[in-house]
Protein backbone atom coordinates (compact mmCIF):
# COMPACT_ATOMS: atom_id res chain seq x y z
CA UNK A 1 222.09 47.33 -9.60
CA UNK A 2 222.47 50.88 -8.07
CA UNK A 3 219.55 52.62 -6.36
CA UNK A 4 218.12 55.10 -8.85
CA UNK A 5 217.53 57.62 -6.07
CA UNK A 6 221.11 58.34 -5.85
CA UNK A 7 221.33 59.22 -9.43
CA UNK A 8 221.69 63.01 -9.99
CA UNK A 9 218.99 62.85 -12.65
CA UNK A 10 216.48 61.14 -10.24
CA UNK A 11 213.18 62.97 -9.78
CA UNK A 12 210.76 61.52 -7.20
CA UNK A 13 207.80 62.99 -9.00
CA UNK A 14 208.29 60.38 -11.74
CA UNK A 15 209.16 57.40 -9.39
CA UNK A 16 206.02 55.36 -8.35
CA UNK A 17 208.25 53.69 -5.57
CA UNK A 18 208.90 57.09 -3.94
CA UNK A 19 207.25 57.41 -0.51
CA UNK A 20 204.16 59.52 -0.40
CA UNK A 21 205.76 62.30 1.68
CA UNK A 22 208.37 62.81 -1.02
CA UNK A 23 205.82 63.49 -3.77
CA UNK A 24 205.59 67.25 -4.34
CA UNK A 25 202.23 68.89 -5.11
CA UNK A 26 201.67 69.42 -8.85
CA UNK A 27 203.13 72.66 -10.16
CA UNK A 28 204.25 73.66 -6.61
CA UNK A 29 207.78 74.41 -8.04
CA UNK A 30 206.52 76.90 -10.59
CA UNK A 31 206.74 80.58 -9.85
CA UNK A 32 203.41 82.35 -9.30
CA UNK A 33 201.71 83.72 -12.43
CA UNK A 34 202.63 87.16 -13.54
CA UNK A 35 200.47 90.00 -12.32
CA UNK A 36 198.93 90.64 -15.81
CA UNK A 37 197.60 87.02 -15.78
CA UNK A 38 195.87 87.11 -12.47
CA UNK A 39 192.95 89.42 -12.33
CA UNK A 40 193.67 92.47 -10.15
CA UNK A 41 191.28 93.72 -7.48
CA UNK A 42 188.47 92.03 -5.63
CA UNK A 43 185.90 89.59 -6.87
CA UNK A 44 183.44 92.32 -7.62
CA UNK A 45 186.01 94.04 -9.73
CA UNK A 46 186.35 90.74 -11.74
CA UNK A 47 182.68 90.60 -12.15
CA UNK A 48 182.36 94.22 -13.31
CA UNK A 49 185.31 93.70 -15.74
CA UNK A 50 183.61 90.49 -17.11
CA UNK A 51 180.40 92.41 -17.72
CA UNK A 52 182.35 95.13 -19.53
CA UNK A 53 183.96 92.49 -21.70
CA UNK A 54 180.72 90.93 -22.48
CA UNK A 55 179.11 94.28 -23.25
CA UNK A 56 181.99 95.20 -25.57
CA UNK A 57 181.60 91.87 -27.55
CA UNK A 58 184.47 90.03 -26.05
CA UNK A 59 182.58 86.94 -24.78
CA UNK A 60 185.57 84.68 -24.87
CA UNK A 61 187.56 86.88 -22.43
CA UNK A 62 184.41 87.34 -20.34
CA UNK A 63 184.05 83.49 -20.16
CA UNK A 64 187.58 83.16 -18.79
CA UNK A 65 187.24 85.91 -16.27
CA UNK A 66 183.70 85.02 -15.10
CA UNK A 67 184.66 81.30 -14.83
CA UNK A 68 187.51 82.30 -12.54
CA UNK A 69 185.03 84.63 -10.58
CA UNK A 70 182.51 81.74 -10.36
CA UNK A 71 184.97 79.28 -8.99
CA UNK A 72 185.87 81.79 -6.16
CA UNK A 73 182.13 82.58 -5.46
CA UNK A 74 180.17 79.53 -6.75
CA UNK A 75 176.90 80.51 -4.90
CA UNK A 76 176.59 83.98 -6.58
CA UNK A 77 173.56 84.11 -8.84
CA UNK A 78 174.65 87.33 -10.49
CA UNK A 79 178.05 85.84 -11.45
CA UNK A 80 176.45 82.63 -12.77
CA UNK A 81 174.05 84.65 -14.79
CA UNK A 82 176.84 86.72 -16.45
CA UNK A 83 178.78 83.64 -17.03
CA UNK A 84 175.85 81.81 -18.61
CA UNK A 85 175.32 84.81 -20.89
CA UNK A 86 178.99 84.85 -21.97
CA UNK A 87 178.88 81.05 -22.40
CA UNK A 88 175.85 81.27 -24.63
CA UNK A 89 177.38 84.04 -26.67
CA UNK A 90 180.50 81.93 -27.52
CA UNK A 91 178.46 78.86 -28.21
CA UNK A 92 178.94 76.93 -25.03
CA UNK A 93 175.26 76.05 -24.90
CA UNK A 94 175.54 73.00 -22.57
CA UNK A 95 177.40 75.03 -20.00
CA UNK A 96 175.08 78.03 -20.33
CA UNK A 97 172.09 75.72 -19.77
CA UNK A 98 173.61 74.13 -16.77
CA UNK A 99 174.23 77.65 -15.23
CA UNK A 100 170.72 78.88 -16.08
CA UNK A 101 169.27 75.66 -14.58
CA UNK A 102 171.31 76.20 -11.39
CA UNK A 103 169.86 79.74 -11.12
CA UNK A 104 166.29 78.51 -11.75
CA UNK A 105 166.87 75.85 -9.09
CA UNK A 106 167.51 78.64 -6.57
CA UNK A 107 164.94 81.11 -7.98
CA UNK A 108 162.20 79.64 -10.35
CA UNK A 109 160.76 83.13 -10.68
CA UNK A 110 163.87 84.49 -12.41
CA UNK A 111 162.38 85.45 -15.72
CA UNK A 112 165.74 86.21 -17.42
CA UNK A 113 167.04 82.74 -16.52
CA UNK A 114 164.08 81.01 -17.73
CA UNK A 115 164.56 82.94 -21.01
CA UNK A 116 168.25 82.17 -21.15
CA UNK A 117 167.54 78.44 -20.49
CA UNK A 118 164.84 78.43 -23.21
CA UNK A 119 167.25 79.89 -25.80
CA UNK A 120 170.10 77.46 -24.84
CA UNK A 121 167.62 74.53 -24.99
CA UNK A 122 166.56 75.84 -28.51
CA UNK A 123 170.21 75.86 -29.69
CA UNK A 124 170.72 72.39 -28.35
CA UNK A 125 167.71 71.17 -30.24
CA UNK A 126 165.61 70.47 -27.10
CA UNK A 127 162.51 72.24 -28.37
CA UNK A 128 159.92 71.01 -25.90
CA UNK A 129 162.10 72.33 -22.95
CA UNK A 130 162.76 75.53 -24.97
CA UNK A 131 159.04 76.11 -25.32
CA UNK A 132 158.39 75.38 -21.71
CA UNK A 133 160.94 77.80 -20.32
CA UNK A 134 160.34 80.50 -22.98
CA UNK A 135 156.59 80.34 -22.16
CA UNK A 136 157.35 80.81 -18.41
CA UNK A 137 159.59 83.83 -19.16
CA UNK A 138 156.96 85.40 -21.46
CA UNK A 139 154.23 84.78 -18.97
CA UNK A 140 156.28 86.37 -16.12
CA UNK A 141 157.10 89.38 -18.13
CA UNK A 142 154.68 89.93 -20.92
CA UNK A 143 156.06 93.53 -21.26
CA UNK A 144 159.26 92.18 -22.74
CA UNK A 145 158.61 91.67 -26.48
CA UNK A 146 161.68 89.58 -27.27
CA UNK A 147 160.53 86.88 -24.83
CA UNK A 148 157.38 86.40 -26.77
CA UNK A 149 159.20 86.56 -30.06
CA UNK A 150 161.49 83.82 -28.95
CA UNK A 151 158.56 81.75 -27.72
CA UNK A 152 156.86 82.10 -31.14
CA UNK A 153 160.00 81.02 -32.88
CA UNK A 154 160.55 78.01 -30.69
CA UNK A 155 156.88 77.04 -31.03
CA UNK A 156 157.16 77.24 -34.83
CA UNK A 157 160.38 75.06 -34.88
CA UNK A 158 158.64 72.57 -32.63
CA UNK A 159 155.61 72.34 -34.76
CA UNK A 160 157.86 72.05 -37.94
CA UNK A 161 159.93 69.26 -36.40
CA UNK A 162 156.75 67.17 -35.70
CA UNK A 163 155.61 67.15 -39.28
């Protein structure tokens, strides 16, 4: 039987017997993405563009851009907050909750992240956690009426669920 490596159709990427040094990296033979697919500018430009997309109601595009931004700058609280807001707006409540929890792990006094975490927990049906985080947000910033409104709604839902 002839060695398949001498066959002109042979591709070492699909041969489990190929030596390790012959295995190419995945997608290394593909050309780079076109310029219109890769965000232009610096990370801050991506962040600002993501916020603009979010403000203009295009949360799906904002999630895509801010996810890319977050992967390049994973320790940025402002990027994570914007990403969590976009994720919440498109219904990615688990992911939004995880990002808000990450921010609160760094800064428990971040009232907006407490509020966002409470809203995400409400959407996920975790009403006791929702009430806890919304109460913290409302206590930190009693001047923001919608924090208290969300807290009253979560408390009412929790009470109704216990009946």
